[in-house]
Amino acid sequence: MGTNWAAGLLRWKPHTDKEGVAYSLNHLHPFPMTLELAAKGGLPARMVQLHIAFSLHTFTRSIEETDDPTDRYRDNREVRTFCRDRYRLSTELPTIASELPRRPCQFATSKSGRINYVTIDVSQGVRYGVFFDLMRRKEAGPDVILLMVQSAYALESGKPDPGKGKISFSALLGMTLRGKTPKPPPR
């Protein structure tokens, strides 16, 4: 792996609230992970390098009128409100991302209508929806994939899971490496 594998991936600055309490976001800095994609259907086994990154939506939420302006947090595209609940849950995201090869994954649809994927975690006493997408990083090598955790939040109790169907993480990796898009189940 090259020395600049994380080029272009954001490293989040800590958030400090008006009382001076600092919230470190080091746990949401990008990190690499290597795993073996087993041979299947005439395709050879390959070592896949995952570059795992986390978006602003994993620790912020939409701005509401009553939000304190000192809780605004911005990236290079948008401004949102730092959310202490999302922040607390986000401490588990590196572990959840690392466990994706063993976790059930489902198809989800983003607000823009784009297909992404979700896994549901229940280890912190709530249903925690972790939404992600996979993209090839051709510039980094033939077997390199960016796993972007796009959003993560506690799901409302009593509402159905946001995902449909099932797909294994290894199937997602294999299709991403081949430039294919998995077909989601009918809605």
N, C-alpha and C. Protein backbone atom coordinates (compact mmCIF):
# COMPACT_ATOMS: atom_id res chain seq x y z
N MET A 1 0.85 -1.17 0.00
CA MET A 1 0.00 0.00 0.00
C MET A 1 0.89 1.23 0.00
N GLY A 2 0.57 2.19 -0.86
CA GLY A 2 1.35 3.42 -0.96
C GLY A 2 1.24 4.27 0.29
N THR A 3 2.14 5.22 0.40
CA THR A 3 2.15 6.07 1.59
C THR A 3 1.00 7.06 1.61
N ASN A 4 0.38 7.33 0.47
CA ASN A 4 -0.70 8.31 0.41
C ASN A 4 -2.01 7.64 0.03
N TRP A 5 -2.30 6.49 0.58
CA TRP A 5 -3.50 5.74 0.22
C TRP A 5 -4.78 6.52 0.51
N ALA A 6 -4.75 7.44 1.50
CA ALA A 6 -5.96 8.16 1.91
C ALA A 6 -6.13 9.50 1.18
N ALA A 7 -5.36 9.73 0.12
CA ALA A 7 -5.48 10.99 -0.61
C ALA A 7 -6.92 11.20 -1.05
N GLY A 8 -7.45 12.38 -0.77
CA GLY A 8 -8.81 12.71 -1.17
C GLY A 8 -9.87 12.30 -0.16
N LEU A 9 -9.50 11.58 0.89
CA LEU A 9 -10.46 11.17 1.92
C LEU A 9 -10.35 12.12 3.12
N LEU A 10 -11.50 12.56 3.64
CA LEU A 10 -11.50 13.56 4.70
C LEU A 10 -11.12 12.99 6.06
N ARG A 11 -10.33 13.79 6.77
CA ARG A 11 -10.02 13.53 8.18
C ARG A 11 -10.75 14.62 8.95
N TRP A 12 -11.63 14.22 9.85
CA TRP A 12 -12.52 15.17 10.51
C TRP A 12 -11.85 15.89 11.66
N LYS A 13 -12.05 17.21 11.72
CA LYS A 13 -11.55 18.02 12.84
C LYS A 13 -12.51 17.85 14.01
N PRO A 14 -12.00 17.94 15.24
CA PRO A 14 -12.89 17.80 16.39
C PRO A 14 -13.94 18.92 16.41
N HIS A 15 -15.06 18.64 17.04
CA HIS A 15 -16.09 19.66 17.24
C HIS A 15 -15.99 20.13 18.68
N THR A 16 -16.01 21.44 18.89
CA THR A 16 -16.02 22.00 20.24
C THR A 16 -17.31 22.80 20.40
N ASP A 17 -18.08 22.46 21.44
CA ASP A 17 -19.36 23.16 21.63
C ASP A 17 -19.15 24.46 22.41
N LYS A 18 -20.23 25.19 22.65
CA LYS A 18 -20.12 26.51 23.29
C LYS A 18 -19.65 26.44 24.74
N GLU A 19 -19.78 25.28 25.38
CA GLU A 19 -19.27 25.11 26.75
C GLU A 19 -17.79 24.73 26.75
N GLY A 20 -17.21 24.56 25.56
CA GLY A 20 -15.80 24.20 25.46
C GLY A 20 -15.55 22.71 25.48
N VAL A 21 -16.61 21.90 25.42
CA VAL A 21 -16.46 20.44 25.39
C VAL A 21 -16.02 20.04 23.97
N ALA A 22 -14.90 19.33 23.89
CA ALA A 22 -14.37 18.91 22.59
C ALA A 22 -14.77 17.46 22.32
N TYR A 23 -15.22 17.22 21.10
CA TYR A 23 -15.62 15.88 20.65
C TYR A 23 -14.63 15.45 19.57
N SER A 24 -13.75 14.54 19.92
CA SER A 24 -12.78 14.04 18.95
C SER A 24 -13.48 13.21 17.89
N LEU A 25 -13.06 13.38 16.65
CA LEU A 25 -13.61 12.59 15.55
C LEU A 25 -12.55 11.68 14.95
N ASN A 26 -11.48 11.43 15.69
CA ASN A 26 -10.39 10.56 15.21
C ASN A 26 -10.90 9.17 14.83
N HIS A 27 -11.91 8.68 15.53
CA HIS A 27 -12.44 7.34 15.23
C HIS A 27 -13.07 7.29 13.84
N LEU A 28 -13.35 8.45 13.25
CA LEU A 28 -13.97 8.49 11.92
C LEU A 28 -12.99 8.89 10.83
N HIS A 29 -11.70 8.85 11.14
CA HIS A 29 -10.70 9.06 10.09
C HIS A 29 -10.66 7.82 9.21
N PRO A 30 -10.32 7.98 7.93
CA PRO A 30 -10.27 6.82 7.03
C PRO A 30 -9.22 5.81 7.49
N PHE A 31 -9.49 4.55 7.18
CA PHE A 31 -8.50 3.51 7.50
C PHE A 31 -8.57 2.41 6.43
N PRO A 32 -7.46 1.70 6.24
CA PRO A 32 -7.43 0.61 5.25
C PRO A 32 -7.72 -0.73 5.89
N MET A 33 -8.19 -1.66 5.08
CA MET A 33 -8.42 -3.03 5.53
C MET A 33 -8.22 -3.94 4.33
N THR A 34 -7.51 -5.02 4.52
CA THR A 34 -7.29 -5.98 3.44
C THR A 34 -8.08 -7.24 3.77
N LEU A 35 -8.74 -7.78 2.75
CA LEU A 35 -9.42 -9.05 2.95
C LEU A 35 -9.37 -9.87 1.67
N GLU A 36 -9.54 -11.17 1.83
CA GLU A 36 -9.49 -12.06 0.68
C GLU A 36 -10.90 -12.32 0.17
N LEU A 37 -11.07 -12.11 -1.12
CA LEU A 37 -12.32 -12.43 -1.79
C LEU A 37 -12.13 -13.83 -2.36
N ALA A 38 -12.89 -14.79 -1.86
CA ALA A 38 -12.73 -16.19 -2.26
C ALA A 38 -13.05 -16.38 -3.74
N ALA A 39 -12.42 -17.40 -4.32
CA ALA A 39 -12.72 -17.77 -5.72
C ALA A 39 -14.17 -18.20 -5.80
N LYS A 40 -14.82 -17.84 -6.92
CA LYS A 40 -16.23 -18.21 -7.06
C LYS A 40 -16.61 -18.17 -8.54
N GLY A 41 -17.32 -19.21 -8.97
CA GLY A 41 -17.85 -19.23 -10.32
C GLY A 41 -16.81 -19.03 -11.41
N GLY A 42 -15.66 -19.64 -11.28
CA GLY A 42 -14.61 -19.50 -12.28
C GLY A 42 -13.75 -18.25 -12.12
N LEU A 43 -14.09 -17.39 -11.16
CA LEU A 43 -13.29 -16.19 -10.89
C LEU A 43 -12.26 -16.53 -9.82
N PRO A 44 -11.01 -16.10 -10.01
CA PRO A 44 -9.97 -16.44 -9.03
C PRO A 44 -10.14 -15.66 -7.72
N ALA A 45 -9.55 -16.21 -6.68
CA ALA A 45 -9.49 -15.49 -5.40
C ALA A 45 -8.63 -14.23 -5.60
N ARG A 46 -8.92 -13.19 -4.85
CA ARG A 46 -8.10 -11.98 -4.92
C ARG A 46 -8.06 -11.31 -3.56
N MET A 47 -6.97 -10.61 -3.33
CA MET A 47 -6.82 -9.80 -2.13
C MET A 47 -7.37 -8.41 -2.46
N VAL A 48 -8.32 -7.97 -1.67
CA VAL A 48 -8.96 -6.68 -1.91
C VAL A 48 -8.51 -5.71 -0.82
N GLN A 49 -8.13 -4.54 -1.26
CA GLN A 49 -7.76 -3.46 -0.34
C GLN A 49 -8.97 -2.53 -0.22
N LEU A 50 -9.55 -2.45 0.98
CA LEU A 50 -10.65 -1.52 1.23
C LEU A 50 -10.10 -0.24 1.84
N HIS A 51 -10.54 0.88 1.33
CA HIS A 51 -10.26 2.17 1.94
C HIS A 51 -11.59 2.61 2.55
N ILE A 52 -11.66 2.60 3.86
CA ILE A 52 -12.92 2.85 4.56
C ILE A 52 -12.95 4.31 5.03
N ALA A 53 -14.02 5.01 4.66
CA ALA A 53 -14.17 6.42 5.02
C ALA A 53 -15.60 6.67 5.51
N PHE A 54 -15.76 7.77 6.21
CA PHE A 54 -17.03 8.11 6.85
C PHE A 54 -17.44 9.52 6.48
N SER A 55 -18.71 9.68 6.12
CA SER A 55 -19.19 11.00 5.72
C SER A 55 -19.63 11.83 6.93
N LEU A 56 -19.87 13.08 6.66
CA LEU A 56 -20.36 14.04 7.65
C LEU A 56 -21.68 13.59 8.26
N HIS A 57 -22.49 12.86 7.51
CA HIS A 57 -23.81 12.45 7.99
C HIS A 57 -23.75 11.39 9.08
N THR A 58 -22.59 10.86 9.39
CA THR A 58 -22.49 9.86 10.45
C THR A 58 -22.47 10.48 11.84
N PHE A 59 -22.22 11.80 11.92
CA PHE A 59 -22.18 12.46 13.23
C PHE A 59 -22.90 13.81 13.24
N THR A 60 -23.61 14.13 12.16
CA THR A 60 -24.39 15.37 12.10
C THR A 60 -25.80 15.04 11.61
N ARG A 61 -26.68 16.03 11.70
CA ARG A 61 -28.05 15.89 11.18
C ARG A 61 -28.43 17.20 10.51
N SER A 62 -29.61 17.20 9.90
CA SER A 62 -30.12 18.41 9.26
C SER A 62 -30.27 19.53 10.29
N ILE A 63 -30.07 20.74 9.84
CA ILE A 63 -30.20 21.90 10.73
C ILE A 63 -31.68 22.16 11.00
N GLU A 64 -31.97 22.41 12.29
CA GLU A 64 -33.32 22.79 12.70
C GLU A 64 -33.27 24.21 13.24
N GLU A 65 -34.41 24.90 13.20
CA GLU A 65 -34.48 26.30 13.62
C GLU A 65 -33.97 26.54 15.02
N THR A 66 -34.20 25.60 15.91
CA THR A 66 -33.84 25.79 17.33
C THR A 66 -32.39 25.39 17.64
N ASP A 67 -31.63 24.94 16.65
CA ASP A 67 -30.25 24.52 16.90
C ASP A 67 -29.36 25.71 17.25
N ASP A 68 -28.43 25.46 18.15
CA ASP A 68 -27.43 26.47 18.50
C ASP A 68 -26.47 26.63 17.32
N PRO A 69 -26.25 27.84 16.85
CA PRO A 69 -25.34 28.04 15.71
C PRO A 69 -23.91 27.55 15.97
N THR A 70 -23.51 27.47 17.25
CA THR A 70 -22.16 26.99 17.53
C THR A 70 -22.01 25.49 17.29
N ASP A 71 -23.14 24.82 17.08
CA ASP A 71 -23.09 23.38 16.78
C ASP A 71 -23.06 23.11 15.27
N ARG A 72 -22.90 24.14 14.46
CA ARG A 72 -22.78 23.93 13.01
C ARG A 72 -21.45 23.23 12.72
N TYR A 73 -21.51 22.30 11.78
CA TYR A 73 -20.29 21.60 11.34
C TYR A 73 -20.36 21.51 9.82
N ARG A 74 -19.26 21.79 9.16
CA ARG A 74 -19.27 21.81 7.69
C ARG A 74 -18.15 20.96 7.11
N ASP A 75 -18.43 20.45 5.93
CA ASP A 75 -17.38 19.83 5.13
C ASP A 75 -17.24 20.67 3.87
N ASN A 76 -16.69 20.10 2.82
CA ASN A 76 -16.46 20.87 1.59
C ASN A 76 -17.74 21.02 0.75
N ARG A 77 -18.87 20.45 1.20
CA ARG A 77 -20.10 20.51 0.41
C ARG A 77 -21.30 21.10 1.14
N GLU A 78 -21.37 20.93 2.46
CA GLU A 78 -22.60 21.33 3.16
C GLU A 78 -22.34 21.66 4.62
N VAL A 79 -23.35 22.28 5.23
CA VAL A 79 -23.32 22.62 6.65
C VAL A 79 -24.47 21.88 7.32
N ARG A 80 -24.17 21.25 8.46
CA ARG A 80 -25.19 20.51 9.21
C ARG A 80 -24.99 20.81 10.70
N THR A 81 -25.82 20.20 11.54
CA THR A 81 -25.72 20.36 12.99
C THR A 81 -25.04 19.15 13.59
N PHE A 82 -24.02 19.39 14.41
CA PHE A 82 -23.37 18.31 15.15
C PHE A 82 -24.42 17.66 16.04
N CYS A 83 -24.52 16.33 15.98
CA CYS A 83 -25.56 15.60 16.71
C CYS A 83 -24.89 14.69 17.74
N ARG A 84 -25.12 14.98 19.01
CA ARG A 84 -24.50 14.18 20.07
C ARG A 84 -24.95 12.73 20.05
N ASP A 85 -26.21 12.47 19.68
CA ASP A 85 -26.69 11.08 19.61
C ASP A 85 -25.98 10.32 18.49
N ARG A 86 -25.91 10.92 17.31
CA ARG A 86 -25.19 10.26 16.21
C ARG A 86 -23.72 10.10 16.55
N TYR A 87 -23.15 11.12 17.19
CA TYR A 87 -21.74 11.04 17.58
C TYR A 87 -21.51 9.84 18.50
N ARG A 88 -22.35 9.71 19.52
CA ARG A 88 -22.19 8.61 20.48
C ARG A 88 -22.23 7.26 19.77
N LEU A 89 -23.21 7.09 18.90
CA LEU A 89 -23.33 5.83 18.16
C LEU A 89 -22.17 5.63 17.18
N SER A 90 -21.63 6.73 16.66
CA SER A 90 -20.57 6.63 15.65
C SER A 90 -19.29 5.99 16.17
N THR A 91 -19.12 5.93 17.48
CA THR A 91 -17.90 5.31 18.00
C THR A 91 -17.80 3.84 17.62
N GLU A 92 -18.94 3.22 17.26
CA GLU A 92 -18.95 1.82 16.85
C GLU A 92 -18.72 1.63 15.35
N LEU A 93 -18.73 2.71 14.57
CA LEU A 93 -18.67 2.57 13.12
C LEU A 93 -17.40 1.88 12.60
N PRO A 94 -16.21 2.17 13.11
CA PRO A 94 -15.05 1.43 12.60
C PRO A 94 -15.18 -0.08 12.78
N THR A 95 -15.72 -0.50 13.92
CA THR A 95 -15.92 -1.94 14.16
C THR A 95 -16.98 -2.50 13.22
N ILE A 96 -18.09 -1.80 13.07
CA ILE A 96 -19.16 -2.26 12.19
C ILE A 96 -18.65 -2.37 10.76
N ALA A 97 -17.90 -1.37 10.30
CA ALA A 97 -17.35 -1.41 8.93
C ALA A 97 -16.40 -2.59 8.77
N SER A 98 -15.59 -2.85 9.77
CA SER A 98 -14.65 -3.98 9.70
C SER A 98 -15.36 -5.32 9.70
N GLU A 99 -16.54 -5.38 10.30
CA GLU A 99 -17.31 -6.62 10.38
C GLU A 99 -18.25 -6.84 9.20
N LEU A 100 -18.31 -5.92 8.24
CA LEU A 100 -19.24 -6.07 7.12
C LEU A 100 -19.13 -7.40 6.40
N PRO A 101 -17.93 -7.99 6.25
CA PRO A 101 -17.87 -9.30 5.59
C PRO A 101 -18.68 -10.39 6.30
N ARG A 102 -19.00 -10.19 7.58
CA ARG A 102 -19.76 -11.18 8.35
C ARG A 102 -21.17 -10.70 8.70
N ARG A 103 -21.54 -9.52 8.28
CA ARG A 103 -22.83 -8.95 8.64
C ARG A 103 -23.84 -9.08 7.50
N PRO A 104 -25.12 -9.19 7.83
CA PRO A 104 -26.13 -9.18 6.77
C PRO A 104 -26.22 -7.79 6.15
N CYS A 105 -26.31 -7.73 4.85
CA CYS A 105 -26.44 -6.47 4.12
C CYS A 105 -27.72 -6.52 3.31
N GLN A 106 -28.33 -5.35 3.15
CA GLN A 106 -29.55 -5.23 2.37
C GLN A 106 -29.41 -4.05 1.41
N PHE A 107 -30.29 -4.02 0.42
CA PHE A 107 -30.37 -2.89 -0.49
C PHE A 107 -31.15 -1.78 0.19
N ALA A 108 -30.72 -0.55 -0.01
CA ALA A 108 -31.43 0.62 0.51
C ALA A 108 -31.49 1.65 -0.61
N THR A 109 -32.29 2.66 -0.44
CA THR A 109 -32.38 3.74 -1.42
C THR A 109 -32.15 5.06 -0.70
N SER A 110 -31.20 5.84 -1.21
CA SER A 110 -30.92 7.14 -0.60
C SER A 110 -32.06 8.11 -0.91
N LYS A 111 -32.06 9.26 -0.24
CA LYS A 111 -33.10 10.26 -0.48
C LYS A 111 -33.11 10.73 -1.93
N SER A 112 -31.95 10.66 -2.58
CA SER A 112 -31.87 11.07 -3.98
C SER A 112 -32.36 9.97 -4.93
N GLY A 113 -32.71 8.80 -4.37
CA GLY A 113 -33.20 7.69 -5.19
C GLY A 113 -32.10 6.74 -5.64
N ARG A 114 -30.87 7.01 -5.25
CA ARG A 114 -29.74 6.16 -5.62
C ARG A 114 -29.70 4.92 -4.72
N ILE A 115 -29.39 3.77 -5.31
CA ILE A 115 -29.29 2.53 -4.54
C ILE A 115 -27.98 2.53 -3.76
N ASN A 116 -28.07 2.22 -2.46
CA ASN A 116 -26.90 1.97 -1.64
C ASN A 116 -27.23 0.75 -0.78
N TYR A 117 -26.51 0.54 0.28
CA TYR A 117 -26.66 -0.67 1.08
C TYR A 117 -26.74 -0.29 2.55
N VAL A 118 -27.33 -1.19 3.35
CA VAL A 118 -27.47 -0.93 4.77
C VAL A 118 -27.23 -2.21 5.55
N THR A 119 -26.65 -2.05 6.72
CA THR A 119 -26.59 -3.11 7.70
C THR A 119 -27.17 -2.53 8.99
N ILE A 120 -27.83 -3.35 9.76
CA ILE A 120 -28.47 -2.89 11.00
C ILE A 120 -27.71 -3.48 12.18
N ASP A 121 -27.31 -2.61 13.10
CA ASP A 121 -26.61 -3.03 14.31
C ASP A 121 -27.54 -2.81 15.50
N VAL A 122 -27.52 -3.74 16.44
CA VAL A 122 -28.35 -3.59 17.64
C VAL A 122 -27.53 -3.69 18.93
N SER A 123 -26.22 -3.56 18.83
CA SER A 123 -25.36 -3.79 19.99
C SER A 123 -25.46 -2.69 21.05
N GLN A 124 -25.96 -1.51 20.72
CA GLN A 124 -26.03 -0.43 21.71
C GLN A 124 -27.45 -0.19 22.21
N GLY A 125 -28.32 -1.18 22.06
CA GLY A 125 -29.67 -1.08 22.58
C GLY A 125 -30.65 -0.36 21.68
N VAL A 126 -30.23 0.04 20.50
CA VAL A 126 -31.12 0.65 19.50
C VAL A 126 -30.83 -0.01 18.17
N ARG A 127 -31.78 0.11 17.24
CA ARG A 127 -31.50 -0.33 15.87
C ARG A 127 -30.75 0.81 15.19
N TYR A 128 -29.52 0.52 14.83
CA TYR A 128 -28.61 1.53 14.26
C TYR A 128 -28.41 1.20 12.79
N GLY A 129 -28.95 2.03 11.91
CA GLY A 129 -28.82 1.82 10.48
C GLY A 129 -27.53 2.43 9.97
N VAL A 130 -26.70 1.61 9.33
CA VAL A 130 -25.43 2.05 8.78
C VAL A 130 -25.51 1.89 7.26
N PHE A 131 -25.56 3.02 6.56
CA PHE A 131 -25.74 3.05 5.11
C PHE A 131 -24.39 3.27 4.44
N PHE A 132 -24.10 2.48 3.40
CA PHE A 132 -22.79 2.57 2.77
C PHE A 132 -22.88 2.31 1.28
N ASP A 133 -21.81 2.65 0.60
CA ASP A 133 -21.69 2.38 -0.82
C ASP A 133 -20.26 1.92 -1.08
N LEU A 134 -20.07 1.25 -2.19
CA LEU A 134 -18.75 0.77 -2.60
C LEU A 134 -18.45 1.32 -3.99
N MET A 135 -17.21 1.78 -4.18
CA MET A 135 -16.77 2.29 -5.47
C MET A 135 -15.33 1.85 -5.73
N ARG A 136 -15.05 1.51 -6.96
CA ARG A 136 -13.66 1.18 -7.30
C ARG A 136 -12.81 2.43 -7.22
N ARG A 137 -11.57 2.25 -6.77
CA ARG A 137 -10.58 3.33 -6.77
C ARG A 137 -9.49 2.93 -7.76
N LYS A 138 -9.84 2.98 -9.03
CA LYS A 138 -8.94 2.52 -10.09
C LYS A 138 -7.58 3.19 -10.01
N GLU A 139 -7.56 4.46 -9.63
CA GLU A 139 -6.28 5.19 -9.56
C GLU A 139 -5.36 4.61 -8.49
N ALA A 140 -5.92 3.87 -7.53
CA ALA A 140 -5.12 3.29 -6.45
C ALA A 140 -4.71 1.84 -6.73
N GLY A 141 -5.30 1.23 -7.75
CA GLY A 141 -4.95 -0.15 -8.09
C GLY A 141 -6.16 -0.93 -8.54
N PRO A 142 -5.94 -2.10 -9.15
CA PRO A 142 -7.05 -2.88 -9.71
C PRO A 142 -7.95 -3.55 -8.66
N ASP A 143 -7.45 -3.76 -7.47
CA ASP A 143 -8.21 -4.45 -6.43
C ASP A 143 -8.46 -3.55 -5.22
N VAL A 144 -8.67 -2.26 -5.48
CA VAL A 144 -8.89 -1.29 -4.40
C VAL A 144 -10.32 -0.76 -4.50
N ILE A 145 -11.01 -0.78 -3.37
CA ILE A 145 -12.40 -0.32 -3.30
C ILE A 145 -12.53 0.68 -2.15
N LEU A 146 -13.24 1.77 -2.43
CA LEU A 146 -13.61 2.72 -1.39
C LEU A 146 -14.93 2.28 -0.80
N LEU A 147 -14.96 2.06 0.49
CA LEU A 147 -16.19 1.78 1.22
C LEU A 147 -16.52 3.08 1.95
N MET A 148 -17.55 3.77 1.48
CA MET A 148 -17.95 5.03 2.09
C MET A 148 -19.19 4.80 2.94
N VAL A 149 -19.04 5.03 4.24
CA VAL A 149 -20.20 4.99 5.13
C VAL A 149 -20.86 6.36 4.97
N GLN A 150 -22.00 6.36 4.29
CA GLN A 150 -22.66 7.61 3.89
C GLN A 150 -23.48 8.24 5.01
N SER A 151 -24.10 7.42 5.83
CA SER A 151 -24.92 7.91 6.92
C SER A 151 -25.10 6.80 7.94
N ALA A 152 -25.42 7.19 9.15
CA ALA A 152 -25.67 6.20 10.21
C ALA A 152 -26.45 6.90 11.31
N TYR A 153 -27.53 6.27 11.73
CA TYR A 153 -28.36 6.88 12.77
C TYR A 153 -29.27 5.82 13.39
N ALA A 154 -29.80 6.17 14.57
CA ALA A 154 -30.76 5.29 15.25
C ALA A 154 -32.05 5.30 14.45
N LEU A 155 -32.56 4.12 14.17
CA LEU A 155 -33.81 3.98 13.42
C LEU A 155 -34.99 4.13 14.37
N GLU A 156 -36.05 4.74 13.89
CA GLU A 156 -37.23 4.94 14.72
C GLU A 156 -37.84 3.60 15.10
N SER A 157 -38.18 3.46 16.39
CA SER A 157 -38.80 2.22 16.82
C SER A 157 -40.19 2.11 16.21
N GLY A 158 -40.58 0.89 15.91
CA GLY A 158 -41.88 0.65 15.33
C GLY A 158 -41.92 0.79 13.82
N LYS A 159 -40.89 1.37 13.23
CA LYS A 159 -40.84 1.49 11.77
C LYS A 159 -40.07 0.30 11.21
N PRO A 160 -40.39 -0.13 9.99
CA PRO A 160 -39.67 -1.26 9.40
C PRO A 160 -38.22 -0.90 9.07
N ASP A 161 -37.39 -1.92 8.95
CA ASP A 161 -36.00 -1.71 8.54
C ASP A 161 -35.99 -1.00 7.18
N PRO A 162 -35.00 -0.15 6.93
CA PRO A 162 -34.94 0.60 5.68
C PRO A 162 -34.45 -0.21 4.49
N GLY A 163 -33.98 -1.42 4.72
CA GLY A 163 -33.44 -2.23 3.63
C GLY A 163 -34.44 -3.22 3.08
N LYS A 164 -34.13 -3.70 1.88
CA LYS A 164 -34.94 -4.74 1.21
C LYS A 164 -33.98 -5.80 0.68
N GLY A 165 -34.45 -7.03 0.65
CA GLY A 165 -33.65 -8.11 0.09
C GLY A 165 -32.39 -8.37 0.90
N LYS A 166 -31.57 -9.25 0.40
CA LYS A 166 -30.31 -9.59 1.06
C LYS A 166 -29.23 -9.69 0.00
N ILE A 167 -28.02 -9.30 0.37
CA ILE A 167 -26.86 -9.49 -0.51
C ILE A 167 -25.64 -9.61 0.40
N SER A 168 -24.77 -10.55 0.08
CA SER A 168 -23.58 -10.72 0.91
C SER A 168 -22.56 -9.64 0.56
N PHE A 169 -21.76 -9.31 1.54
CA PHE A 169 -20.73 -8.30 1.32
C PHE A 169 -19.72 -8.78 0.27
N SER A 170 -19.40 -10.07 0.28
CA SER A 170 -18.45 -10.57 -0.72
C SER A 170 -19.04 -10.46 -2.13
N ALA A 171 -20.35 -10.66 -2.29
CA ALA A 171 -20.98 -10.47 -3.60
C ALA A 171 -20.89 -9.01 -4.02
N LEU A 172 -21.09 -8.10 -3.07
CA LEU A 172 -20.96 -6.68 -3.38
C LEU A 172 -19.54 -6.34 -3.82
N LEU A 173 -18.54 -6.88 -3.10
CA LEU A 173 -17.14 -6.62 -3.47
C LEU A 173 -16.84 -7.14 -4.86
N GLY A 174 -17.21 -8.39 -5.13
CA GLY A 174 -16.93 -8.99 -6.43
C GLY A 174 -17.57 -8.21 -7.57
N MET A 175 -18.81 -7.83 -7.40
CA MET A 175 -19.49 -7.07 -8.45
C MET A 175 -18.86 -5.69 -8.63
N THR A 176 -18.48 -5.05 -7.54
CA THR A 176 -17.84 -3.73 -7.63
C THR A 176 -16.52 -3.84 -8.38
N LEU A 177 -15.73 -4.86 -8.09
CA LEU A 177 -14.45 -5.05 -8.79
C LEU A 177 -14.65 -5.29 -10.28
N ARG A 178 -15.75 -5.94 -10.64
CA ARG A 178 -16.02 -6.22 -12.06
C ARG A 178 -16.79 -5.10 -12.74
N GLY A 179 -17.07 -4.03 -12.01
CA GLY A 179 -17.80 -2.91 -12.59
C GLY A 179 -19.27 -3.16 -12.79
N LYS A 180 -19.81 -4.11 -12.06
CA LYS A 180 -21.24 -4.48 -12.18
C LYS A 180 -22.02 -3.86 -11.03
N THR A 181 -23.29 -3.64 -11.25
CA THR A 181 -24.18 -3.14 -10.22
C THR A 181 -25.18 -4.23 -9.89
N PRO A 182 -25.26 -4.62 -8.61
CA PRO A 182 -26.23 -5.65 -8.24
C PRO A 182 -27.66 -5.14 -8.46
N LYS A 183 -28.51 -6.05 -8.84
CA LYS A 183 -29.91 -5.70 -9.08
C LYS A 183 -30.68 -5.80 -7.77
N PRO A 184 -31.26 -4.67 -7.33
CA PRO A 184 -32.02 -4.71 -6.09
C PRO A 184 -33.35 -5.44 -6.29
N PRO A 185 -33.95 -5.90 -5.19
CA PRO A 185 -35.26 -6.53 -5.30
C PRO A 185 -36.31 -5.48 -5.66
N PRO A 186 -37.43 -5.91 -6.22
CA PRO A 186 -38.49 -4.95 -6.54
C PRO A 186 -38.98 -4.27 -5.27
N ARG A 187 -39.36 -3.04 -5.38
CA ARG A 187 -39.85 -2.26 -4.22
C ARG A 187 -41.30 -2.49 -4.01
